Structure formats: C-alpha cells, structure tokens
N, C-alpha and C. Protein backbone atom coordinates (compact mmCIF):
# COMPACT_ATOMS: atom_id res chain seq x y z
N MET A 1 118.98 86.08 124.08
CA MET A 1 118.48 84.59 124.68
C MET A 1 117.81 84.73 125.71
N ASP A 2 116.72 83.89 125.77
CA ASP A 2 115.29 83.66 126.59
C ASP A 2 116.88 82.49 127.71
N TYR A 3 116.50 82.76 129.40
CA TYR A 3 117.04 82.11 129.82
C TYR A 3 116.49 80.63 129.75
N LEU A 4 116.66 79.30 129.68
CA LEU A 4 116.17 77.69 129.50
C LEU A 4 116.40 77.07 131.05
N GLY A 5 117.30 77.89 131.62
CA GLY A 5 117.60 76.87 133.12
C GLY A 5 118.85 76.60 133.44
N ALA A 6 119.04 75.69 134.72
CA ALA A 6 120.16 75.27 134.65
C ALA A 6 120.82 74.08 135.28
N LEU A 7 122.05 73.34 135.14
CA LEU A 7 122.31 72.05 134.87
C LEU A 7 122.89 71.35 135.39
N PRO A 8 123.57 71.21 136.57
CA PRO A 8 124.88 70.80 137.84
C PRO A 8 125.57 69.79 136.98
N LEU A 9 126.69 70.59 136.99
CA LEU A 9 128.05 69.89 136.51
C LEU A 9 128.52 68.92 137.59
N ALA A 10 128.74 67.56 137.40
CA ALA A 10 129.01 66.98 138.05
C ALA A 10 129.58 65.90 137.84
N MET A 11 130.36 65.19 138.61
CA MET A 11 131.22 63.62 137.99
C MET A 11 129.90 62.81 137.40
N HIS A 12 129.55 62.23 138.70
CA HIS A 12 128.39 61.48 138.39
C HIS A 12 128.23 61.33 136.90
N ILE A 13 127.37 62.45 136.43
CA ILE A 13 126.61 62.88 135.06
C ILE A 13 127.71 62.79 134.06
N ARG A 14 128.82 63.16 134.48
CA ARG A 14 129.85 62.68 133.40
C ARG A 14 129.91 60.99 133.08
N LEU A 15 130.14 60.90 134.41
CA LEU A 15 130.35 59.17 134.19
C LEU A 15 129.28 58.31 133.72
N GLN A 16 128.11 59.01 133.92
CA GLN A 16 127.05 58.00 133.32
C GLN A 16 126.91 58.52 132.08
N ALA A 17 127.26 59.79 131.47
CA ALA A 17 127.58 60.20 129.90
C ALA A 17 128.28 58.98 129.12
N ASP A 18 129.31 58.82 129.59
CA ASP A 18 130.57 58.54 129.31
C ASP A 18 130.33 57.18 129.11
N SER A 19 129.68 56.53 130.51
CA SER A 19 128.69 55.01 129.61
C SER A 19 127.75 54.38 128.82
N GLY A 20 127.83 55.79 128.71
CA GLY A 20 126.52 55.27 127.61
C GLY A 20 124.94 55.42 128.34
N LYS A 21 125.22 55.99 129.35
CA LYS A 21 123.72 55.64 130.00
C LYS A 21 123.17 56.88 130.50
N PRO A 22 122.62 57.92 130.12
CA PRO A 22 122.84 59.55 130.63
C PRO A 22 122.20 59.61 131.47
N THR A 23 121.68 60.45 132.71
CA THR A 23 121.04 60.91 133.53
C THR A 23 119.52 60.34 133.19
N VAL A 24 119.07 60.46 132.62
CA VAL A 24 117.74 60.68 132.00
C VAL A 24 117.23 59.13 132.05
N VAL A 25 118.58 58.40 131.39
CA VAL A 25 118.38 57.02 131.35
C VAL A 25 118.43 56.36 132.60
N SER A 26 119.50 56.51 133.25
CA SER A 26 120.37 55.75 134.46
C SER A 26 119.26 56.24 135.67
N ASP A 27 118.53 57.42 135.66
CA ASP A 27 117.82 57.59 137.13
C ASP A 27 117.06 58.69 136.30
N PRO A 28 115.67 58.05 135.31
CA PRO A 28 114.49 59.10 135.08
C PRO A 28 113.67 59.57 135.78
N ASP A 29 113.59 59.20 137.18
CA ASP A 29 112.71 60.02 137.74
C ASP A 29 113.32 60.58 138.95
N GLY A 30 114.65 60.78 139.14
CA GLY A 30 115.69 61.52 139.63
C GLY A 30 115.33 63.03 139.56
N GLU A 31 115.69 63.79 140.09
CA GLU A 31 116.21 65.01 140.37
C GLU A 31 117.22 65.78 139.19
N VAL A 32 117.94 65.50 139.09
CA VAL A 32 118.77 66.03 138.18
C VAL A 32 118.49 65.56 136.13
N ALA A 33 117.57 64.31 136.17
CA ALA A 33 116.71 64.23 135.38
C ALA A 33 115.60 65.20 134.87
N GLY A 34 114.99 65.50 135.84
CA GLY A 34 114.26 66.21 136.02
C GLY A 34 114.63 67.45 135.37
N LEU A 35 115.49 67.81 135.67
CA LEU A 35 116.27 69.63 135.38
C LEU A 35 116.37 69.46 134.02
N TYR A 36 117.08 67.78 133.59
CA TYR A 36 116.84 67.77 132.02
C TYR A 36 115.83 68.25 130.97
N LYS A 37 114.73 67.05 131.80
CA LYS A 37 113.82 67.21 130.64
C LYS A 37 113.17 68.91 130.93
N ALA A 38 113.01 69.60 131.66
CA ALA A 38 112.99 70.37 131.93
C ALA A 38 113.30 71.60 131.05
N VAL A 39 114.45 71.46 130.96
CA VAL A 39 115.34 72.80 129.82
C VAL A 39 114.74 72.03 128.27
N ALA A 40 114.88 70.87 128.46
CA ALA A 40 114.50 70.24 127.07
C ALA A 40 113.06 70.55 126.54
N ARG A 41 112.30 70.33 127.07
CA ARG A 41 111.07 71.00 126.74
C ARG A 41 110.74 72.49 126.30
N LYS A 42 111.99 73.39 127.33
CA LYS A 42 111.91 74.82 127.04
C LYS A 42 112.12 75.20 125.46
N VAL A 43 113.76 74.54 125.45
CA VAL A 43 113.96 74.49 124.23
C VAL A 43 113.29 73.92 122.92
N ALA A 44 112.64 72.98 123.04
CA ALA A 44 111.70 72.25 122.41
C ALA A 44 110.28 73.53 121.81
N LEU A 45 109.90 74.31 123.26
CA LEU A 45 109.17 75.07 123.03
C LEU A 45 109.69 76.37 122.45
N ALA A 46 110.31 76.53 122.75
CA ALA A 46 111.06 78.55 122.27
C ALA A 46 111.56 77.68 120.64
N ILE A 47 111.62 76.73 120.10
CA ILE A 47 111.97 76.08 118.79
C ILE A 47 110.34 76.61 118.40
N ALA A 48 109.68 76.10 118.64
CA ALA A 48 108.43 75.31 118.01
C ALA A 48 107.87 77.02 117.92
N ALA A 49 107.99 77.93 118.91
CA ALA A 49 107.64 79.11 118.84
C ALA A 49 108.08 80.20 117.20
N LYS A 50 109.18 79.38 117.02
CA LYS A 50 109.34 80.21 115.96
C LYS A 50 108.62 80.05 114.62
N ASN A 51 108.13 79.01 114.41
CA ASN A 51 107.42 79.21 113.35
C ASN A 51 107.89 78.98 111.67
N LYS A 52 108.89 78.69 111.78
CA LYS A 52 109.73 78.67 110.64
C LYS A 52 109.95 77.56 109.22
N ASP A 53 109.72 77.64 108.55
CA ASP A 53 109.42 76.42 107.61
C ASP A 53 110.96 76.43 106.98
N PHE A 54 111.39 75.26 107.13
CA PHE A 54 112.93 74.98 106.93
C PHE A 54 112.96 74.29 105.76
N SER A 55 111.71 73.20 104.96
CA SER A 55 111.40 72.62 104.23
C SER A 55 112.26 72.82 103.02
N SER A 56 112.82 74.02 102.81
CA SER A 56 113.61 74.07 101.88
C SER A 56 115.06 73.82 101.72
N LYS A 57 115.45 73.66 103.52
CA LYS A 57 116.57 73.44 103.31
C LYS A 57 117.23 72.15 103.28
N PHE A 58 116.35 70.82 103.01
CA PHE A 58 116.51 69.69 103.26
C PHE A 58 116.03 69.37 102.05
N PRO A 59 116.66 67.82 101.43
CA PRO A 59 116.46 67.43 99.63
C PRO A 59 115.10 67.06 99.78
N SER A 60 114.87 66.95 98.49
CA SER A 60 113.36 66.38 98.61
C SER A 60 113.43 64.57 98.41
N ILE A 61 112.79 64.25 98.46
CA ILE A 61 112.65 62.52 98.83
C ILE A 61 112.19 61.94 97.47
N LYS A 62 112.33 61.81 96.64
CA LYS A 62 111.80 61.27 95.30
C LYS A 62 111.20 59.13 95.57
N ILE A 63 110.27 59.09 95.62
CA ILE A 63 110.45 57.37 95.45
C ILE A 63 109.63 57.06 94.20
N SER A 64 110.36 55.83 93.31
CA SER A 64 109.83 55.29 92.03
C SER A 64 109.94 53.93 92.18
N LYS A 65 108.83 53.09 91.18
CA LYS A 65 108.89 51.40 91.23
C LYS A 65 110.33 51.12 90.15
N GLU A 66 111.35 52.21 89.89
CA GLU A 66 111.99 52.23 89.06
C GLU A 66 113.45 51.61 90.00
N THR A 67 113.48 51.94 91.35
CA THR A 67 115.15 51.85 91.67
C THR A 67 114.46 50.55 92.75
C-alpha cells in the first residue's frame, strides 16, 4: 500500500469531530485541514487510477410511469 500521508492525533481534532464540526469545517484554511485535504486527494487519485468497473456491484435503477 502506498503511503498517503500523516494526520495528527490531537484532542482538539476529536472534540471538533465529536461536536459535528470536523477540522475541515471548523478551520478550513488551517494547517490540519490542509493535511486532511491532501490525504483525501491522494486517496481519490489512487482510487481513480484503479480504473475498475464496479457497475455490476450496484443494483440497476428502473424508472417507469406506472409507479
């Protein structure tokens, strides 16, 4: 597995998340929020690079006028 980044374990981060306002919401321009965003981007890029078709794993959606 590729290294995606390091995130700090700090009490204020847990308290923010527990109160419903995670760091990225509480302090969107802060250093910690930047770390979370950077890791999230790396995760998204790693998933996108897999380029697998998962459509068979989801149920099909059917729309009809009868419902």
